[in-house]
Amino acid sequence: MTIKLPILVAFSLALVACTIPPSANNTTMQAPANEATMEQTIAVTEQKTAIFKTRPSETTTPNADSETSNTAGKVGVIMDSSVTSNNDKVSSVASVSALKPTPQILGFEDKTDTERLAGARGDSLLIVEKKGGTVKKGQFSFPEYKKAVLANGMTVYLLEKHDIPVITVKAIVKAGSVNDPISGLASMTAEGLLLGSKKYNKVQLEQVTDNIGAGFEAGSNKESSYINADFLAKDADVMFDVIKSVLTEPTFNAKEFAKFQKQNVELLAQQKESPNKVIRGYYSKFVFDKHAYANPVEGDQQSIATITPKQLASFHNSYYQPVNTAITVVGDFNSNLMKLELEALFADWNNTQPVPQLDLNYAVPVMDKSRVLVVNKANATETTFIFGGVGIAKDNPDYIGIQLVNTILGGRFTSWLNDELRVNSGLTYGAGSGFSAWSQSGLFSISSFTQTSTTEQAVDLAIETYERLWEKGVDQETLDSAKAYLKGQFPPRYETSEQLADILGDMYVYGINESYINNFESQVDSLTLDETQSLVNQYFPNKNLQFVMIGQAAELQPFVSKYGSVEMLNIEQVGFGG
């Protein structure tokens, strides 16, 4: 990808910065002395250079000069997440060019105290913050990354990883099934991005990515939509052009959409032949009812069949805007140069209208009685079941402790649930529990499956095992075992570029930060038995449980009423009830 002339000013600053080795002990970025110095810098070069071709091993890391504004005078802020070797937090401010009396600040709020400012508009001010952490030596910590807000309002996360010459990119838009005016519209819009753009039709997209062996996909979930791509660093210029094209200029070609729509309708029908694939859709709807978290991500056969390309375009225009989008880049590149390239690449992508805002704090359901939803599948030979209730939000301060307790209950192969339902009784091949956490709320669930004839026995045993949390509690030996297991499993979750890109995306969508990861081991180690029981009492629902069972209704009816008031559906009915 070549750099266009409008960003030569910014790039020339980066080029000069590359020739000046920073001091080995210098942790703050230095600004140019004055505007005259900047003008001299601009005059150094007039040539165009491909930023992506500059490998970190071939150049000295640029200082703050490379983060200055382009010729239009727009500037973003970049924040460094590197962790200091001691417990001190380091913060620094560097000005670029002569300070204007009252620079206009680009508004950006972050939930951490150390990320106080996102950027500045005008050619006057660049504020850089060194994000520190309290991490003991030898303890696993999240790798250093940088965060920037570009001039158009798009957020960028950059994490260098030079072990292999590969780059992983995740583009995230804050729009998911919670925003659906028609069930499944967010999902269809996200996947529809790959049907073609103004620059690449569907066949061309497939050819370009296949020819260089790149991975390329799009999709959505409850609260966000995404594009994922991974490719060799040498192909970055090609792939970033593709990503930008499908993200900002999809065409939703009518002919391609018609085939895509038919496939999705058929897929949704087929999924109901596998209860384990759809039971969580029924469960979310049953628990959250009228709340947006009840919306099924993929929609249903009826709603999907009514969606038009025009509706995809309208949804895209509403939500796919720079201020509602983040790009995470992980891999073999130079952060400062990458930031400049992204600024140039997306310079012509502008916000066109206010992004619709959704309040997810409304009407979060309160479970005032136990209920059972029986979904009849007449030809079923097994019963698939799930039960629980409302869970926690992603940014819950007790998230780590809650995960530790859940590990004991149903979060590992040697958990209580799996031991009782699989190992000791042989009622199932597996049983487990977990929390699905979103920005404002979530679900807690225990799930398994068993033969139709042993359904009552399996459900009763699952409930009995769950009640151990209150009747007997957790002993020290079990707690210590779970701590060792969880700490052993933790680092591998953040090894690959894809995993790192995903957690950076979660930071953007859910307002969390790397402190969850940096403090993980210490919080696990410090959890006591008394604190464990307090977490059980506070976060694990043990009254008014909600049950969903998919199986032969005639076989289930004689006993399911003992779990709560019963509602009935047929699996052939469109959607998930309600």
Protein backbone atom coordinates (compact mmCIF):
# COMPACT_ATOMS: atom_id res chain seq x y z
CA MET A 1 0.00 0.00 0.00
CA THR A 2 1.45 3.35 -0.94
CA ILE A 3 1.16 6.43 1.21
CA LYS A 4 -0.77 9.32 -0.21
CA LEU A 5 0.73 12.79 -0.33
CA PRO A 6 -1.57 14.29 2.34
CA ILE A 7 0.17 12.26 5.04
CA LEU A 8 3.77 12.94 3.95
CA VAL A 9 4.09 15.47 6.75
CA ALA A 10 3.27 12.93 9.41
CA PHE A 11 5.33 10.22 7.79
CA SER A 12 8.39 12.42 7.36
CA LEU A 13 8.34 13.09 11.08
CA ALA A 14 8.28 9.35 11.70
CA LEU A 15 11.17 8.81 9.27
CA VAL A 16 13.37 11.37 11.00
CA ALA A 17 12.45 9.90 14.38
CA CYS A 18 13.63 6.51 13.16
CA THR A 19 17.17 7.89 12.65
CA ILE A 20 17.50 9.23 16.20
CA PRO A 21 18.07 6.43 18.70
CA PRO A 22 16.23 7.14 21.96
CA SER A 23 18.05 6.99 25.24
CA ALA A 24 18.03 3.55 26.78
CA ASN A 25 16.65 4.98 30.03
CA ASN A 26 14.13 7.31 28.45
CA THR A 27 10.55 6.21 29.13
CA THR A 28 8.84 9.42 28.04
CA MET A 29 8.31 10.63 24.50
CA GLN A 30 10.06 13.87 23.59
CA ALA A 31 8.46 16.55 21.44
CA PRO A 32 10.18 18.75 18.84
CA ALA A 33 11.58 21.93 20.31
CA ASN A 34 9.56 24.36 18.21
CA GLU A 35 7.70 24.89 14.94
CA ALA A 36 10.86 25.81 13.10
CA THR A 37 12.32 22.43 13.95
CA MET A 38 9.18 20.79 12.63
CA GLU A 39 9.41 22.68 9.34
CA GLN A 40 13.01 21.53 8.93
CA THR A 41 11.90 17.97 9.62
CA ILE A 42 9.17 18.16 6.98
CA ALA A 43 11.73 19.17 4.39
CA VAL A 44 13.89 16.10 4.93
CA THR A 45 12.05 13.81 2.52
CA GLU A 46 9.55 13.96 -0.34
CA GLN A 47 9.58 10.30 -1.23
CA LYS A 48 6.73 7.86 -0.59
CA THR A 49 7.54 4.72 1.41
CA ALA A 50 5.39 1.74 2.28
CA ILE A 51 5.14 1.73 6.06
CA PHE A 52 4.17 -1.92 6.28
CA LYS A 53 7.42 -2.92 4.60
CA THR A 54 9.49 -1.49 7.48
CA ARG A 55 10.24 -4.33 9.86
CA PRO A 56 10.93 -3.40 13.49
CA SER A 57 14.25 -5.21 13.33
CA GLU A 58 15.35 -2.87 10.57
CA THR A 59 14.70 0.44 12.28
CA THR A 60 14.95 2.18 15.60
CA THR A 61 11.60 2.65 17.32
CA PRO A 62 10.41 6.21 16.62
CA ASN A 63 9.84 8.66 19.43
CA ALA A 64 6.85 10.96 19.87
CA ASP A 65 7.70 12.95 16.75
CA SER A 66 6.13 10.20 14.68
CA GLU A 67 2.82 10.71 16.47
CA THR A 68 2.31 14.29 15.32
CA SER A 69 -0.57 15.50 13.17
CA ASN A 70 -0.92 15.31 9.42
CA THR A 71 -1.14 18.33 7.14
CA ALA A 72 -4.77 18.82 8.05
CA GLY A 73 -3.71 19.48 11.60
CA LYS A 74 -5.55 16.49 13.04
CA VAL A 75 -3.96 14.46 15.77
CA GLY A 76 -4.83 11.42 17.83
CA VAL A 77 -3.57 10.42 21.22
CA ILE A 78 -1.57 7.28 21.80
CA MET A 79 -1.25 5.64 25.19
CA ASP A 80 1.43 3.13 26.14
CA SER A 81 0.37 0.15 28.26
CA SER A 82 3.84 -1.06 29.17
CA VAL A 83 4.17 -2.22 32.74
CA THR A 84 6.92 -0.87 34.97
CA SER A 85 9.18 -3.29 36.82
CA ASN A 86 8.19 -1.83 40.18
CA ASN A 87 4.88 -0.72 41.65
CA ASP A 88 5.07 2.86 40.49
CA LYS A 89 2.80 4.27 37.77
CA VAL A 90 4.57 6.56 35.35
CA SER A 91 2.72 9.32 33.53
CA SER A 92 4.14 11.80 31.07
CA VAL A 93 2.82 14.60 28.89
CA ALA A 94 4.48 15.78 25.71
CA SER A 95 3.42 18.77 23.65
CA VAL A 96 3.75 18.87 19.89
CA SER A 97 4.43 22.18 18.18
CA ALA A 98 3.59 25.42 19.96
CA LEU A 99 0.71 25.14 22.38
CA LYS A 100 -2.51 26.88 21.44
CA PRO A 101 -4.29 28.64 24.30
CA THR A 102 -7.45 26.50 24.22
CA PRO A 103 -7.08 23.28 22.23
CA GLN A 104 -10.34 21.45 21.48
CA ILE A 105 -10.29 18.06 23.13
CA LEU A 106 -11.56 14.98 21.33
CA GLY A 107 -13.87 13.46 23.89
CA PHE A 108 -13.15 9.90 24.97
CA GLU A 109 -13.94 8.38 28.35
CA ASP A 110 -12.28 5.31 29.74
CA LYS A 111 -13.15 3.54 32.96
CA THR A 112 -9.55 3.45 34.18
CA ASP A 113 -7.95 6.32 36.07
CA THR A 114 -4.82 6.12 33.94
CA GLU A 115 -6.61 6.75 30.63
CA ARG A 116 -7.86 10.26 31.21
CA LEU A 117 -7.66 11.70 27.75
CA ALA A 118 -8.17 10.36 24.29
CA GLY A 119 -6.81 13.10 22.06
CA ALA A 120 -6.72 16.65 20.90
CA ARG A 121 -7.97 18.39 17.76
CA GLY A 122 -6.01 21.20 16.23
CA ASP A 123 -2.31 21.20 15.42
CA SER A 124 -1.29 21.98 18.95
CA LEU A 125 -1.37 19.19 21.45
CA LEU A 126 -0.52 15.54 21.77
CA ILE A 127 -0.87 13.99 25.18
CA VAL A 128 0.84 10.69 25.80
CA GLU A 129 0.27 8.62 28.89
CA LYS A 130 2.45 5.81 30.12
CA LYS A 131 0.05 3.22 31.49
CA GLY A 132 1.58 1.44 34.43
CA GLY A 133 0.53 -1.50 36.52
CA THR A 134 1.13 -3.21 39.82
CA VAL A 135 2.60 -6.51 38.73
CA LYS A 136 4.93 -8.68 40.77
CA LYS A 137 8.07 -9.92 39.10
CA GLY A 138 7.56 -13.35 37.58
CA GLN A 139 3.79 -12.94 37.45
CA PHE A 140 2.05 -13.21 34.10
CA SER A 141 0.99 -9.84 32.69
CA PHE A 142 -0.70 -8.70 29.53
CA PRO A 143 1.82 -7.69 26.84
CA GLU A 144 2.57 -4.03 26.20
CA TYR A 145 0.16 -2.37 23.80
CA LYS A 146 -0.70 1.12 22.64
CA LYS A 147 -4.09 2.69 22.28
CA ALA A 148 -4.92 5.62 20.02
CA VAL A 149 -7.97 7.57 18.92
CA LEU A 150 -7.64 8.72 15.33
CA ALA A 151 -8.79 12.08 14.06
CA ASN A 152 -12.09 10.64 12.80
CA GLY A 153 -12.84 9.15 16.22
CA MET A 154 -11.93 5.53 15.48
CA THR A 155 -10.11 3.72 18.30
CA VAL A 156 -6.95 1.75 17.55
CA TYR A 157 -5.18 -0.86 19.70
CA LEU A 158 -1.66 -1.86 18.65
CA LEU A 159 0.27 -4.77 20.13
CA GLU A 160 3.61 -5.80 18.67
CA LYS A 161 4.45 -9.51 18.62
CA HIS A 162 7.54 -10.35 16.62
CA ASP A 163 7.95 -14.10 17.15
CA ILE A 164 6.52 -14.90 13.71
CA PRO A 165 5.98 -12.60 10.67
CA VAL A 166 2.18 -12.60 10.97
CA ILE A 167 -0.41 -9.90 11.67
CA THR A 168 -3.87 -10.42 13.13
CA VAL A 169 -6.51 -7.72 12.78
CA LYS A 170 -9.90 -7.45 14.42
CA ALA A 171 -12.30 -4.65 13.47
CA ILE A 172 -15.07 -4.24 16.06
CA VAL A 173 -18.29 -2.26 15.74
CA LYS A 174 -20.51 -1.73 18.77
CA ALA A 175 -23.64 -3.20 17.25
CA GLY A 176 -25.01 -6.68 17.86
CA SER A 177 -28.26 -8.51 18.37
CA VAL A 178 -29.21 -6.11 21.18
CA ASN A 179 -29.56 -3.45 18.48
CA ASP A 180 -31.74 -5.53 16.17
CA PRO A 181 -34.92 -3.84 14.93
CA ILE A 182 -35.51 -7.10 13.04
CA SER A 183 -34.25 -10.31 14.61
CA GLY A 184 -30.92 -11.28 13.04
CA LEU A 185 -30.28 -7.99 11.21
CA ALA A 186 -26.95 -7.25 12.93
CA SER A 187 -25.70 -10.75 12.16
CA MET A 188 -26.82 -10.60 8.53
CA THR A 189 -25.20 -7.18 8.12
CA ALA A 190 -21.88 -8.34 9.55
CA GLU A 191 -21.72 -11.51 7.47
CA GLY A 192 -23.04 -9.59 4.47
CA LEU A 193 -19.86 -7.49 4.45
CA LEU A 194 -18.15 -10.42 2.74
CA LEU A 195 -20.64 -10.41 -0.13
CA GLY A 196 -18.60 -7.67 -1.78
CA SER A 197 -17.65 -4.00 -1.67
CA LYS A 198 -17.29 -1.16 -4.13
CA LYS A 199 -13.70 -2.19 -4.81
CA TYR A 200 -13.96 -5.99 -4.54
CA ASN A 201 -16.89 -8.19 -5.50
CA LYS A 202 -17.41 -11.46 -3.62
CA VAL A 203 -15.35 -13.54 -6.03
CA GLN A 204 -12.49 -11.03 -5.97
CA LEU A 205 -12.50 -10.98 -2.17
CA GLU A 206 -12.18 -14.74 -2.10
CA GLN A 207 -9.45 -14.74 -4.73
CA VAL A 208 -7.38 -12.04 -3.02
CA THR A 209 -7.48 -13.69 0.39
CA ASP A 210 -7.04 -17.23 -0.92
CA ASN A 211 -4.06 -16.26 -3.09
CA ILE A 212 -2.09 -15.02 -0.09
CA GLY A 213 -3.39 -17.63 2.34
CA ALA A 214 -5.11 -15.10 4.56
CA GLY A 215 -7.85 -15.92 7.04
CA PHE A 216 -10.87 -13.64 6.66
CA GLU A 217 -14.26 -13.81 8.37
CA ALA A 218 -17.04 -11.64 9.73
CA GLY A 219 -19.79 -12.15 12.29
CA SER A 220 -21.56 -10.74 15.32
CA ASN A 221 -22.62 -11.51 18.88
CA LYS A 222 -24.84 -9.92 21.53
CA GLU A 223 -23.20 -6.49 21.59
CA SER A 224 -20.75 -6.23 18.72
CA SER A 225 -19.99 -7.12 15.12
CA TYR A 226 -16.53 -7.91 13.84
CA ILE A 227 -14.17 -8.65 10.99
CA ASN A 228 -11.28 -11.02 11.73
CA ALA A 229 -8.23 -11.33 9.50
CA ASP A 230 -4.83 -12.94 9.84
CA PHE A 231 -2.08 -12.85 7.24
CA LEU A 232 1.66 -12.67 6.67
CA ALA A 233 3.17 -9.30 7.52
CA LYS A 234 4.44 -8.94 3.95
CA ASP A 235 0.82 -8.93 2.73
CA ALA A 236 -0.36 -6.22 5.11
CA ASP A 237 -0.78 -3.58 2.42
CA VAL A 238 -3.15 -5.86 0.47
CA MET A 239 -5.17 -7.02 3.44
CA PHE A 240 -5.62 -3.63 5.09
CA ASP A 241 -7.01 -2.35 1.81
CA VAL A 242 -9.46 -5.28 1.75
CA ILE A 243 -10.47 -4.73 5.39
CA LYS A 244 -11.07 -1.05 4.86
CA SER A 245 -13.08 -1.67 1.72
CA VAL A 246 -15.51 -4.22 3.18
CA LEU A 247 -15.82 -2.37 6.49
CA THR A 248 -16.64 1.03 5.02
CA GLU A 249 -18.07 0.38 1.53
CA PRO A 250 -20.03 -2.90 1.38
CA THR A 251 -22.52 -3.15 -1.48
CA PHE A 252 -24.79 -5.95 -0.16
CA ASN A 253 -25.21 -7.17 -3.73
CA ALA A 254 -28.82 -8.30 -4.23
CA LYS A 255 -27.97 -11.46 -6.18
CA GLU A 256 -25.34 -12.61 -3.69
CA PHE A 257 -27.58 -11.67 -0.79
CA ALA A 258 -30.46 -13.80 -2.08
CA LYS A 259 -28.24 -16.90 -2.05
CA PHE A 260 -26.79 -15.99 1.33
CA GLN A 261 -30.27 -15.41 2.80
CA LYS A 262 -31.56 -18.78 1.57
CA GLN A 263 -28.57 -20.57 3.09
CA ASN A 264 -29.15 -18.91 6.45
CA VAL A 265 -32.85 -19.78 6.54
CA GLU A 266 -32.03 -23.42 5.80
CA LEU A 267 -29.24 -23.42 8.39
CA LEU A 268 -31.54 -22.12 11.11
CA ALA A 269 -34.01 -24.89 10.34
CA GLN A 270 -31.27 -27.53 10.45
CA GLN A 271 -29.94 -26.30 13.78
CA LYS A 272 -33.12 -27.33 15.56
CA GLU A 273 -32.26 -30.92 14.77
CA SER A 274 -29.39 -30.51 17.28
CA PRO A 275 -30.78 -29.32 20.64
CA ASN A 276 -27.36 -28.43 22.00
CA LYS A 277 -27.02 -25.83 19.22
CA VAL A 278 -30.25 -24.03 20.06
CA ILE A 279 -30.89 -24.56 23.76
CA ARG A 280 -29.06 -21.39 24.76
CA GLY A 281 -31.24 -19.40 22.40
CA TYR A 282 -34.30 -20.72 24.24
CA TYR A 283 -32.62 -20.12 27.59
CA SER A 284 -31.68 -16.48 26.86
CA LYS A 285 -35.19 -15.76 25.65
CA PHE A 286 -36.79 -17.52 28.61
CA VAL A 287 -34.70 -15.66 31.20
CA PHE A 288 -34.49 -12.19 29.64
CA ASP A 289 -37.94 -12.15 28.04
CA LYS A 290 -38.51 -8.60 26.69
CA HIS A 291 -34.98 -7.36 27.36
CA ALA A 292 -32.61 -6.91 24.41
CA TYR A 293 -30.34 -9.65 25.77
CA ALA A 294 -33.12 -12.08 24.85
CA ASN A 295 -32.58 -11.38 21.14
CA PRO A 296 -31.09 -14.40 19.33
CA VAL A 297 -27.90 -13.42 17.53
CA GLU A 298 -28.73 -15.31 14.32
CA GLY A 299 -32.42 -14.39 14.30
CA ASP A 300 -34.98 -16.95 13.21
CA GLN A 301 -36.18 -18.41 9.92
CA GLN A 302 -39.10 -16.05 9.61
CA SER A 303 -37.27 -12.83 10.43
CA ILE A 304 -34.25 -13.66 8.28
CA ALA A 305 -36.50 -14.36 5.30
CA THR A 306 -37.94 -10.81 5.44
CA ILE A 307 -34.64 -8.89 5.55
CA THR A 308 -33.62 -6.94 2.43
CA PRO A 309 -30.27 -5.58 1.21
CA LYS A 310 -31.66 -2.09 1.78
CA GLN A 311 -32.15 -2.87 5.47
CA LEU A 312 -28.59 -4.13 5.72
CA ALA A 313 -27.36 -0.88 4.19
CA SER A 314 -29.47 1.16 6.60
CA PHE A 315 -28.14 -0.74 9.63
CA HIS A 316 -24.61 -0.32 8.31
CA ASN A 317 -25.05 3.42 7.84
CA SER A 318 -26.36 3.78 11.39
CA TYR A 319 -23.74 1.81 13.31
CA TYR A 320 -20.66 1.31 11.13
CA GLN A 321 -19.11 4.70 11.81
CA PRO A 322 -15.61 5.62 13.04
CA VAL A 323 -16.73 6.77 16.49
CA ASN A 324 -18.42 3.39 16.99
CA THR A 325 -15.53 1.28 15.70
CA ALA A 326 -12.17 -0.01 16.91
CA ILE A 327 -9.33 -1.75 15.09
CA THR A 328 -7.02 -4.08 17.01
CA VAL A 329 -3.74 -5.03 15.35
CA VAL A 330 -1.47 -7.70 16.82
CA GLY A 331 1.72 -9.03 15.30
CA ASP A 332 4.90 -8.18 13.42
CA PHE A 333 4.83 -4.42 12.81
CA ASN A 334 6.00 -1.10 14.25
CA SER A 335 3.27 0.56 16.34
CA ASN A 336 4.13 4.15 15.57
CA LEU A 337 4.31 3.55 11.85
CA MET A 338 1.17 1.42 11.91
CA LYS A 339 -0.74 4.19 13.61
CA LEU A 340 0.26 6.62 10.90
CA GLU A 341 -0.79 4.22 8.16
CA LEU A 342 -4.16 3.60 9.74
CA GLU A 343 -4.70 7.34 10.11
CA ALA A 344 -4.07 7.73 6.39
CA LEU A 345 -6.02 4.64 5.36
CA PHE A 346 -9.20 5.71 7.15
CA ALA A 347 -8.81 9.48 6.66
CA ASP A 348 -11.73 9.60 4.23
CA TRP A 349 -14.08 7.59 6.47
CA ASN A 350 -16.25 10.07 8.32
CA ASN A 351 -19.13 10.00 10.77
CA THR A 352 -22.38 10.77 8.99
CA GLN A 353 -24.97 10.79 11.79
CA PRO A 354 -25.31 10.25 15.53
CA VAL A 355 -24.96 6.58 16.42
CA PRO A 356 -28.21 5.25 17.95
CA GLN A 357 -27.72 4.69 21.67
CA LEU A 358 -29.26 1.80 23.58
CA ASP A 359 -29.74 1.67 27.35
CA LEU A 360 -29.20 -1.94 28.43
CA ASN A 361 -29.79 -1.15 32.09
CA TYR A 362 -33.55 -1.14 31.62
CA ALA A 363 -35.83 -3.91 32.84
CA VAL A 364 -33.18 -6.49 33.68
CA PRO A 365 -35.49 -9.29 34.81
CA VAL A 366 -35.92 -10.31 38.41
CA MET A 367 -36.64 -13.99 38.89
CA ASP A 368 -39.60 -14.07 41.30
CA LYS A 369 -40.51 -17.74 40.81
CA SER A 370 -39.07 -20.97 39.46
CA ARG A 371 -40.13 -21.78 35.89
CA VAL A 372 -39.65 -24.60 33.41
CA LEU A 373 -39.77 -24.35 29.63
CA VAL A 374 -40.26 -27.72 27.94
CA VAL A 375 -39.47 -27.70 24.23
CA ASN A 376 -41.03 -30.77 22.67
CA LYS A 377 -38.90 -32.71 20.19
CA ALA A 378 -40.98 -35.78 19.50
CA ASN A 379 -38.17 -37.84 17.92
CA ALA A 380 -35.61 -37.08 20.63
CA THR A 381 -33.93 -39.98 22.40
CA GLU A 382 -32.20 -37.69 24.87
CA THR A 383 -33.11 -34.68 26.97
CA THR A 384 -30.85 -31.65 26.76
CA PHE A 385 -31.27 -29.41 29.79
CA ILE A 386 -29.98 -26.14 31.19
CA PHE A 387 -30.87 -24.20 34.32
CA GLY A 388 -29.73 -21.19 36.33
CA GLY A 389 -30.61 -17.52 36.19
CA VAL A 390 -29.32 -13.97 35.73
CA GLY A 391 -25.53 -13.73 35.98
CA ILE A 392 -22.98 -10.90 36.04
CA ALA A 393 -21.64 -8.11 33.86
CA LYS A 394 -18.22 -8.36 32.22
CA ASP A 395 -16.69 -5.62 34.37
CA ASN A 396 -17.80 -7.12 37.70
CA PRO A 397 -14.99 -6.44 40.22
CA ASP A 398 -15.34 -9.99 41.58
CA TYR A 399 -15.07 -11.60 38.15
CA ILE A 400 -11.88 -13.52 38.95
CA GLY A 401 -13.17 -14.93 42.22
CA ILE A 402 -16.44 -15.92 40.58
CA GLN A 403 -14.55 -17.82 37.88
CA LEU A 404 -12.56 -19.62 40.56
CA VAL A 405 -15.72 -20.82 42.30
CA ASN A 406 -17.22 -21.86 38.98
CA THR A 407 -14.09 -23.88 38.19
CA ILE A 408 -14.85 -25.98 41.25
CA LEU A 409 -18.53 -26.34 40.41
CA GLY A 410 -18.43 -27.06 36.70
CA GLY A 411 -15.53 -25.34 34.98
CA ARG A 412 -13.11 -28.24 34.55
CA PHE A 413 -13.16 -31.96 33.86
CA THR A 414 -12.69 -32.81 37.55
CA SER A 415 -15.45 -30.39 38.63
CA TRP A 416 -18.21 -31.43 41.00
CA LEU A 417 -20.81 -31.54 38.24
CA ASN A 418 -18.76 -33.61 35.82
CA ASP A 419 -17.65 -35.98 38.56
CA GLU A 420 -21.19 -36.63 39.73
CA LEU A 421 -23.06 -36.74 36.40
CA ARG A 422 -20.42 -38.42 34.28
CA VAL A 423 -17.74 -40.17 36.32
CA ASN A 424 -19.72 -41.43 39.32
CA SER A 425 -23.19 -41.99 37.87
CA GLY A 426 -22.60 -42.43 34.15
CA LEU A 427 -25.71 -40.40 33.35
CA THR A 428 -24.01 -38.25 30.72
CA TYR A 429 -20.82 -37.76 28.77
CA GLY A 430 -20.34 -34.32 30.26
CA ALA A 431 -21.77 -31.62 32.53
CA GLY A 432 -20.63 -28.13 33.34
CA SER A 433 -21.47 -24.62 34.43
CA GLY A 434 -20.47 -21.12 33.44
CA PHE A 435 -21.20 -17.42 33.22
CA SER A 436 -21.97 -15.62 29.95
CA ALA A 437 -21.07 -12.02 30.80
CA TRP A 438 -21.99 -8.93 28.78
CA SER A 439 -21.68 -5.20 29.40
CA GLN A 440 -24.62 -4.79 31.78
CA SER A 441 -25.70 -8.28 32.79
CA GLY A 442 -25.37 -11.92 31.83
CA LEU A 443 -26.44 -15.49 32.41
CA PHE A 444 -25.39 -18.24 34.77
CA SER A 445 -26.13 -21.78 33.65
CA ILE A 446 -25.62 -25.44 34.47
CA SER A 447 -26.08 -27.71 31.48
CA SER A 448 -25.91 -31.34 30.41
CA PHE A 449 -27.83 -34.03 28.51
CA THR A 450 -29.00 -37.53 29.29
CA GLN A 451 -31.21 -40.34 28.02
CA THR A 452 -34.91 -39.58 28.12
CA SER A 453 -35.48 -42.27 30.74
CA THR A 454 -32.89 -40.80 33.13
CA THR A 455 -33.84 -37.13 32.79
CA GLU A 456 -35.35 -36.72 36.25
CA GLN A 457 -32.43 -38.51 37.89
CA ALA A 458 -29.85 -36.37 36.05
CA VAL A 459 -31.59 -33.04 36.73
CA ASP A 460 -32.06 -33.93 40.41
CA LEU A 461 -28.40 -34.88 40.72
CA ALA A 462 -27.30 -31.65 39.04
CA ILE A 463 -29.42 -29.62 41.48
CA GLU A 464 -28.15 -31.64 44.46
CA THR A 465 -24.55 -31.08 43.35
CA TYR A 466 -25.16 -27.36 42.88
CA GLU A 467 -26.63 -27.09 46.39
CA ARG A 468 -23.33 -28.32 47.85
CA LEU A 469 -22.07 -24.76 47.42
CA TRP A 470 -24.40 -23.72 50.27
CA GLU A 471 -24.83 -26.92 52.27
CA LYS A 472 -21.17 -27.93 52.57
CA GLY A 473 -19.21 -25.13 50.90
CA VAL A 474 -15.70 -25.39 49.53
CA ASP A 475 -12.89 -26.88 51.62
CA GLN A 476 -9.31 -25.64 51.58
CA GLU A 477 -7.92 -28.58 49.62
CA THR A 478 -10.48 -28.10 46.85
CA LEU A 479 -9.87 -24.35 46.78
CA ASP A 480 -6.09 -24.82 46.54
CA SER A 481 -6.51 -27.35 43.73
CA ALA A 482 -8.76 -24.97 41.79
CA LYS A 483 -6.30 -22.11 42.27
CA ALA A 484 -3.43 -24.19 40.86
CA TYR A 485 -5.56 -25.33 37.93
CA LEU A 486 -6.79 -21.85 37.08
CA LYS A 487 -3.32 -20.28 37.24
CA GLY A 488 -1.96 -23.06 35.07
CA GLN A 489 -4.68 -22.53 32.47
CA PHE A 490 -4.47 -18.76 32.48
CA PRO A 491 -1.33 -17.79 30.49
CA PRO A 492 -2.17 -20.02 27.49
CA ARG A 493 -5.36 -17.99 27.01
CA TYR A 494 -3.24 -15.03 25.91
CA GLU A 495 -0.57 -16.67 23.80
CA THR A 496 -1.78 -16.39 20.23
CA SER A 497 -2.32 -13.24 18.20
CA GLU A 498 -5.99 -14.13 17.80
CA GLN A 499 -6.46 -14.39 21.57
CA LEU A 500 -4.71 -11.09 22.16
CA ALA A 501 -6.76 -9.34 19.48
CA ASP A 502 -9.94 -10.72 21.04
CA ILE A 503 -9.15 -9.41 24.53
CA LEU A 504 -8.30 -5.98 23.11
CA GLY A 505 -11.65 -6.04 21.36
CA ASP A 506 -13.34 -6.91 24.65
CA MET A 507 -11.63 -3.94 26.25
CA TYR A 508 -13.30 -1.70 23.69
CA VAL A 509 -16.76 -3.24 23.82
CA TYR A 510 -17.08 -3.89 27.55
CA GLY A 511 -15.00 -1.10 29.05
CA ILE A 512 -12.56 -3.42 30.80
CA ASN A 513 -8.78 -3.09 30.84
CA GLU A 514 -5.67 -5.19 31.25
CA SER A 515 -5.78 -4.98 35.07
CA TYR A 516 -8.04 -8.06 35.02
CA ILE A 517 -5.18 -10.02 33.49
CA ASN A 518 -2.32 -8.36 35.37
CA ASN A 519 -4.01 -8.89 38.74
CA PHE A 520 -5.33 -12.36 37.98
CA GLU A 521 -2.76 -14.47 39.81
CA SER A 522 -2.59 -12.25 42.88
CA GLN A 523 -6.39 -12.18 43.19
CA VAL A 524 -6.59 -15.94 42.80
CA ASP A 525 -3.89 -16.46 45.43
CA SER A 526 -5.49 -14.09 47.92
CA LEU A 527 -9.00 -15.57 47.83
CA THR A 528 -9.95 -17.12 51.20
CA LEU A 529 -12.58 -19.68 52.10
CA ASP A 530 -14.75 -17.01 53.73
CA GLU A 531 -14.52 -14.83 50.62
CA THR A 532 -15.35 -17.82 48.45
CA GLN A 533 -18.57 -18.44 50.36
CA SER A 534 -19.45 -14.76 50.14
CA LEU A 535 -19.13 -14.92 46.35
CA VAL A 536 -21.36 -18.00 46.27
CA ASN A 537 -24.05 -16.23 48.28
CA GLN A 538 -23.87 -13.04 46.25
CA TYR A 539 -23.57 -14.21 42.65
CA PHE A 540 -24.76 -17.80 42.24
CA PRO A 541 -28.57 -17.92 42.00
CA ASN A 542 -30.05 -20.58 44.28
CA LYS A 543 -33.69 -19.50 44.39
CA ASN A 544 -36.28 -19.24 41.65
CA LEU A 545 -34.17 -21.16 39.14
CA GLN A 546 -35.09 -21.14 35.46
CA PHE A 547 -35.08 -24.46 33.55
CA VAL A 548 -35.16 -25.27 29.84
CA MET A 549 -35.47 -28.87 28.66
CA ILE A 550 -35.55 -30.07 25.06
CA GLY A 551 -36.84 -33.60 24.61
CA GLN A 552 -39.99 -35.70 24.47
CA ALA A 553 -42.61 -33.63 26.28
CA ALA A 554 -44.82 -36.64 26.96
CA GLU A 555 -42.00 -38.28 28.93
CA LEU A 556 -41.11 -35.09 30.80
CA GLN A 557 -44.58 -33.91 31.81
CA PRO A 558 -45.10 -36.34 34.73
CA PHE A 559 -42.32 -34.80 36.84
CA VAL A 560 -41.12 -31.39 35.51
CA SER A 561 -43.70 -29.41 37.48
CA LYS A 562 -41.75 -30.12 40.67
CA TYR A 563 -39.06 -27.71 39.39
CA GLY A 564 -41.46 -24.81 38.77
CA SER A 565 -44.40 -23.58 36.72
CA VAL A 566 -44.32 -25.19 33.29
CA GLU A 567 -44.55 -23.67 29.82
CA MET A 568 -44.60 -25.70 26.62
CA LEU A 569 -43.31 -25.15 23.08
CA ASN A 570 -42.77 -27.33 20.03
CA ILE A 571 -39.32 -27.16 18.52
CA GLU A 572 -40.90 -26.76 15.06
CA GLN A 573 -42.30 -23.38 16.10
CA VAL A 574 -40.40 -20.46 14.61
CA GLY A 575 -38.00 -18.72 16.95
CA PHE A 576 -37.38 -19.37 20.62
CA GLY A 577 -40.70 -18.45 22.21
CA GLY A 578 -42.06 -15.32 23.80
